[in-house]
C-alpha cells in the first residue's frame, strides 16, 4: 500500500468514526433541551388555534422578543368561570423535542374583580423547562396583565425559573382582573387547589 492510499484510508476512517459521535452528541438530551424556532411555533399555533399565520405570528413575535426560543409547548383546552372567586380547568398535550408527548392537566383558583366565564383553546409556550416532570408544580399568574395581539390573549406565569406563556383563543364573556395560580398535574383534579 502506498503512502497516499494509507493517508486517505486513515482520513476516511477518522471521518466515518467521528460522524456517528457527532450525530449522537447532537441528539444527546444530557446537553440540554432542544428549542423550537419561531416558524415551528407559528405553524403549530395557527394550526391548533385555527387562526391565520399572520395573527399567530404577531403574538409569537412579541413572546419571542421577550423570552427567546421555547423548550416545550402545551396544546390544550380549558374552561373557566368567576364571580369574584373563580376556577380554571384544562387539559392538553405537552411536546418537547426528543421526548415523548405527555398528557398534562391544570387547575387553579383565582380571586379578584372578575365576573363571567369562557372556554378556550390554549397554546402555552414553556421556557427553561429542561425535563417534562418540571411542569408539575404551581405557577402564579395575574390575569389582568394579559394583553391582546390579533385577537389572542397572552399572559405569563413564572415559578422556579420556568416561564409559561399561555396564548388563549376562545368564546365567552369575561370582564375584570384576578390573581391566582395554576397547578399542573399528571391527573385531573376536581378541586382547583
Protein backbone atom coordinates (compact mmCIF):
# COMPACT_ATOMS: atom_id res chain seq x y z
CA UNK A 1 0.00 0.00 0.00
CA UNK A 2 1.49 3.35 -0.94
CA UNK A 3 1.67 6.33 1.38
CA UNK A 4 -1.10 8.31 -0.35
CA UNK A 5 -3.60 5.40 -0.09
CA UNK A 6 -2.67 4.91 3.56
CA UNK A 7 -3.27 8.58 4.39
CA UNK A 8 -6.60 8.69 2.51
CA UNK A 9 -7.85 5.50 4.16
CA UNK A 10 -6.82 6.85 7.57
CA UNK A 11 -8.70 10.12 6.93
CA UNK A 12 -11.77 8.25 5.71
CA UNK A 13 -11.75 6.03 8.80
CA UNK A 14 -11.40 9.09 11.02
CA UNK A 15 -14.28 10.91 9.34
CA UNK A 16 -16.53 7.83 9.39
CA UNK A 17 -15.64 7.12 13.02
CA UNK A 18 -16.21 10.72 14.10
CA UNK A 19 -19.52 11.18 12.26
CA UNK A 20 -21.67 8.91 14.48
CA UNK A 21 -20.23 10.55 17.59
CA UNK A 22 -21.09 14.00 16.24
CA UNK A 23 -24.65 12.93 15.46
CA UNK A 24 -25.01 11.19 18.82
CA UNK A 25 -23.83 14.34 20.60
CA UNK A 26 -26.35 16.47 18.70
CA UNK A 27 -29.20 14.21 19.82
CA UNK A 28 -27.99 13.71 23.42
CA UNK A 29 -30.62 15.17 25.80
CA UNK A 30 -27.95 15.50 28.53
CA UNK A 31 -26.64 18.55 26.64
CA UNK A 32 -29.90 20.35 27.36
CA UNK A 33 -33.27 20.51 25.71
CA UNK A 34 -33.70 21.42 22.07
CA UNK A 35 -35.72 24.53 21.31
CA UNK A 36 -38.42 25.41 18.81
CA UNK A 37 -37.96 28.05 16.12
CA UNK A 38 -40.43 30.87 15.55
CA UNK A 39 -41.60 29.27 12.29
CA UNK A 40 -42.29 25.93 14.02
CA UNK A 41 -44.29 27.65 16.77
CA UNK A 42 -46.21 29.94 14.38
CA UNK A 43 -47.26 26.97 12.25
CA UNK A 44 -48.24 24.86 15.27
CA UNK A 45 -50.12 27.77 16.88
CA UNK A 46 -52.06 28.73 13.77
CA UNK A 47 -52.98 25.09 13.07
CA UNK A 48 -54.08 24.39 16.64
CA UNK A 49 -55.91 27.64 17.40
CA UNK A 50 -57.42 27.90 13.92
CA UNK A 51 -56.09 31.40 13.29
CA UNK A 52 -54.07 32.77 10.39
CA UNK A 53 -50.30 32.54 10.44
CA UNK A 54 -50.20 36.36 10.47
CA UNK A 55 -52.34 36.54 13.62
CA UNK A 56 -50.27 33.83 15.33
CA UNK A 57 -47.06 35.44 14.12
CA UNK A 58 -47.91 38.79 15.75
CA UNK A 59 -48.37 37.18 19.18
CA UNK A 60 -45.41 34.80 18.80
CA UNK A 61 -43.10 37.61 17.68
CA UNK A 62 -43.79 39.55 20.87
CA UNK A 63 -43.28 36.49 23.10
CA UNK A 64 -40.06 35.50 21.29
CA UNK A 65 -38.72 39.05 21.61
CA UNK A 66 -39.25 38.95 25.38
CA UNK A 67 -38.29 35.32 26.11
CA UNK A 68 -36.43 33.75 23.19
CA UNK A 69 -36.99 30.21 21.91
CA UNK A 70 -39.19 27.86 23.99
CA UNK A 71 -38.04 24.40 25.08
CA UNK A 72 -41.58 22.94 25.01
CA UNK A 73 -45.20 23.77 24.32
CA UNK A 74 -48.60 22.58 25.51
CA UNK A 75 -51.63 22.46 23.22
CA UNK A 76 -54.96 22.03 25.01
CA UNK A 77 -58.38 23.30 26.03
CA UNK A 78 -59.66 24.93 29.19
CA UNK A 79 -62.79 26.34 30.81
CA UNK A 80 -63.02 29.00 33.49
CA UNK A 81 -65.66 30.95 35.35
CA UNK A 82 -65.72 33.54 38.10
CA UNK A 83 -67.90 35.73 40.25
CA UNK A 84 -65.16 37.40 42.31
CA UNK A 85 -63.82 33.91 43.12
CA UNK A 86 -63.13 31.74 40.12
CA UNK A 87 -61.72 28.45 38.92
CA UNK A 88 -59.97 27.28 35.77
CA UNK A 89 -59.60 23.69 34.49
CA UNK A 90 -57.64 22.48 31.49
CA UNK A 91 -56.14 19.51 29.70
CA UNK A 92 -53.54 19.26 26.95
CA UNK A 93 -50.55 17.52 25.44
CA UNK A 94 -47.00 18.70 26.14
CA UNK A 95 -44.47 18.49 23.32
CA UNK A 96 -40.69 18.54 23.77
CA UNK A 97 -38.16 17.71 21.10
CA UNK A 98 -36.64 14.25 21.54
CA UNK A 99 -39.16 13.41 24.30
CA UNK A 100 -42.45 11.55 24.23
CA UNK A 101 -45.65 13.57 24.15
CA UNK A 102 -47.15 13.75 27.64
CA UNK A 103 -50.70 14.47 28.81
CA UNK A 104 -50.92 17.37 31.28
CA UNK A 105 -53.83 18.67 33.37
CA UNK A 106 -54.08 22.05 35.09
CA UNK A 107 -56.47 23.66 37.51
CA UNK A 108 -56.42 26.66 39.76
CA UNK A 109 -58.39 29.17 41.79
CA UNK A 110 -58.49 32.92 41.30
CA UNK A 111 -59.76 35.94 43.19
CA UNK A 112 -60.34 39.48 42.03
CA UNK A 113 -62.74 41.91 40.45
CA UNK A 114 -63.82 39.34 37.89
CA UNK A 115 -67.11 38.06 36.51
CA UNK A 116 -68.06 35.77 33.63
CA UNK A 117 -66.95 32.57 32.01
CA UNK A 118 -65.15 31.33 28.93
CA UNK A 119 -63.97 28.24 27.05
CA UNK A 120 -60.65 28.49 25.24
CA UNK A 121 -58.11 26.65 23.21
CA UNK A 122 -54.74 27.26 24.83
CA UNK A 123 -51.28 27.08 23.30
CA UNK A 124 -48.67 27.50 26.06
CA UNK A 125 -45.00 28.19 25.33
CA UNK A 126 -42.67 26.80 28.01
CA UNK A 127 -39.27 28.32 28.77
CA UNK A 128 -36.41 26.77 30.81
CA UNK A 129 -38.31 23.50 31.04
CA UNK A 130 -35.46 21.01 30.74
CA UNK A 131 -37.38 17.84 31.62
CA UNK A 132 -41.10 17.05 31.30
CA UNK A 133 -41.55 16.47 35.05
CA UNK A 134 -40.53 20.07 35.78
CA UNK A 135 -44.01 21.23 34.71
CA UNK A 136 -45.74 19.58 37.68
CA UNK A 137 -45.93 22.50 40.15
CA UNK A 138 -47.91 25.66 40.83
CA UNK A 139 -47.43 28.70 38.62
CA UNK A 140 -48.76 32.03 39.94
CA UNK A 141 -50.17 34.49 37.44
CA UNK A 142 -52.05 37.75 37.11
CA UNK A 143 -54.79 37.54 34.50
CA UNK A 144 -55.32 41.31 34.42
CA UNK A 145 -51.84 41.73 32.92
CA UNK A 146 -52.95 39.85 29.82
CA UNK A 147 -52.58 41.63 26.52
CA UNK A 148 -54.36 41.08 23.25
CA UNK A 149 -52.48 40.65 19.98
CA UNK A 150 -54.53 39.90 16.85
CA UNK A 151 -57.42 38.62 18.98
CA UNK A 152 -55.23 36.27 21.03
CA UNK A 153 -54.86 36.77 24.80
CA UNK A 154 -51.41 36.26 26.30
CA UNK A 155 -50.17 36.37 29.90
CA UNK A 156 -47.19 34.97 31.82
CA UNK A 157 -46.82 32.54 34.70
CA UNK A 158 -43.47 32.06 36.45
CA UNK A 159 -42.10 29.68 39.09
CA UNK A 160 -38.57 28.49 39.94
CA UNK A 161 -37.01 29.98 36.81
CA UNK A 162 -39.61 28.40 34.49
CA UNK A 163 -41.80 30.75 32.45
CA UNK A 164 -45.07 29.75 30.81
CA UNK A 165 -46.73 31.96 28.20
CA UNK A 166 -50.31 30.76 27.53
CA UNK A 167 -51.89 32.06 24.32
CA UNK A 168 -55.70 31.81 24.50
CA UNK A 169 -58.36 31.99 21.82
CA UNK A 170 -61.95 31.18 22.72
CA UNK A 171 -65.51 32.17 23.33
CA UNK A 172 -67.29 33.59 26.34
CA UNK A 173 -67.81 36.77 28.27
CA UNK A 174 -65.35 37.63 30.99
CA UNK A 175 -64.55 41.03 32.45
CA UNK A 176 -62.17 42.06 35.20
CA UNK A 177 -58.80 41.20 36.65
CA UNK A 178 -57.74 38.45 39.01
CA UNK A 179 -54.78 36.85 40.69
CA UNK A 180 -54.35 33.15 41.23
CA UNK A 181 -52.28 30.20 40.21
CA UNK A 182 -52.44 27.15 38.00
CA UNK A 183 -51.29 23.79 39.34
CA UNK A 184 -50.12 21.40 36.63
CA UNK A 185 -50.58 17.68 37.34
CA UNK A 186 -50.48 14.21 35.79
CA UNK A 187 -54.15 13.52 36.69
CA UNK A 188 -57.32 15.57 36.61
CA UNK A 189 -58.19 17.06 40.00
CA UNK A 190 -61.74 18.08 40.87
CA UNK A 191 -60.75 20.68 43.45
CA UNK A 192 -58.91 23.63 41.89
CA UNK A 193 -56.44 23.91 44.80
